[in-house]
Amino acid sequence: MSRRADGFEAPAVRGLPDGDRVVMGHGAGGRKMHRLIRELFLAEFGNPVLNALGDAAELEPGRGRPAVSTDSYVVQPLFFPGGDIGKLSVCGTVNDLAMAGAVPRWLTVGFILREGLSLAALGRVCRSLAATARAAGVQVVTGDTKVIERGEQEEMYVNTTGVGVIPARLRLGPARVRPGDALVVNGPLGEHEAAIAVARGGYRFRARVKSDCAALPRLCEGLVRAGGVRMMRDPTRGGFATTLNELAEATGLGFIVEEKLVPVSRTVAGVAALLGLDPLYMANEGKVIAVCCPRRADGLVAAARRFATGRQARRVGTVVREPAGVWLRTRLGSLRRLIMLEGEQLPRIC
């Protein structure tokens, strides 16, 4: 095994020598690239569709409406407490599908690799990606690999596109939201961005915080089965407050959040305070905001708590006709406007 500077041990890639590094030839289409595909990618992601190595994957979506989502991941560092770029790339994409009510089925994966990246680190990312995909019930059916010139850091970038199927009778979206609806969130906010900040090592934190990076399709299916869900969104970049502002713009309604009910762990609150961040704007990678019929809110919270990713679910706010926008009802009872995040609090968090 080789040990990285960040303390993670990276086992050798099966079939490839320990200590080998990515070179330009791994993206050139020749023997090196084909060996990488066979001995790493197919070894980890292999299935009948992918093993055909065709120019296009042939899929049978079955009944329902197809849903497609794509995203690119540039997180730094590649490995962090609670996850890595491989796990993140699966969770981020299947979660986007799940927010639309889709059942994720297939995934494409594109790797942009920097020359000099260790094949052991790449192997670890692939194993994590494959394990996360299996747990989420999706198959990697096609992909691509490119290599870029050597730089100052060992880096890779990952693009994933997910394809899922929305049940024929299911309709979710902003048009279904009504004044009086309830806001439910499945757990504490800001854990992913806090974990990335600590993992970068530029600060002397004693805090131990893990990213909430998790695949949410099964939780979202459970919420839909519980009934009353109008729409769902995952508060990733820009966090909870920015996502609610997107919902307010899409619906033309107001969203009032109760400060005393918003879940934020003491650890995340401490990291945020030291860095001058606001937990309401910190990124999450395992959270869902569900807007639901008020009569079904308690049932929805109970349904969420049956899943490991929803054990700390709670109702946190209400949809109103006026005032429009997003508002925080403080512990003193006053309303404070929560505007959309202008830029970013911390770069390269996903």
Foldseek 3Di string as FASTA:
>chain_A
DDADPLGDDFDDQPPDDFPDWDDQVCAPPDDNVVCCCVRAVCVQQNDVQQVVVDPDGDDDQPDADKDKDKDKAFFPPQDFFAGGQLLLQVQQALQVCLQQQWQWAEKEKEKEFETGAGVSVVRVSSNNNSVQCVVSNYGYRYYHYGYDYHDDDGGMMMMMMIMTGHHHPDGADLVQFDFFWFKKKQAAFQQLQLRSVVSVPPDDDPDDTHALAHHCNVLSNLLVVLDFWRGKDFQFQQAQQQVVQVSLVRNVWEKEFEPVPHHHDPRSVVSCVVLVHDRRRHGHNLMMMTTGHVVSQVVSLVSQCVDPSRVHMDTTITIHRPDGAYWYQYPVRDTDGRDGDDDGSDPNSD
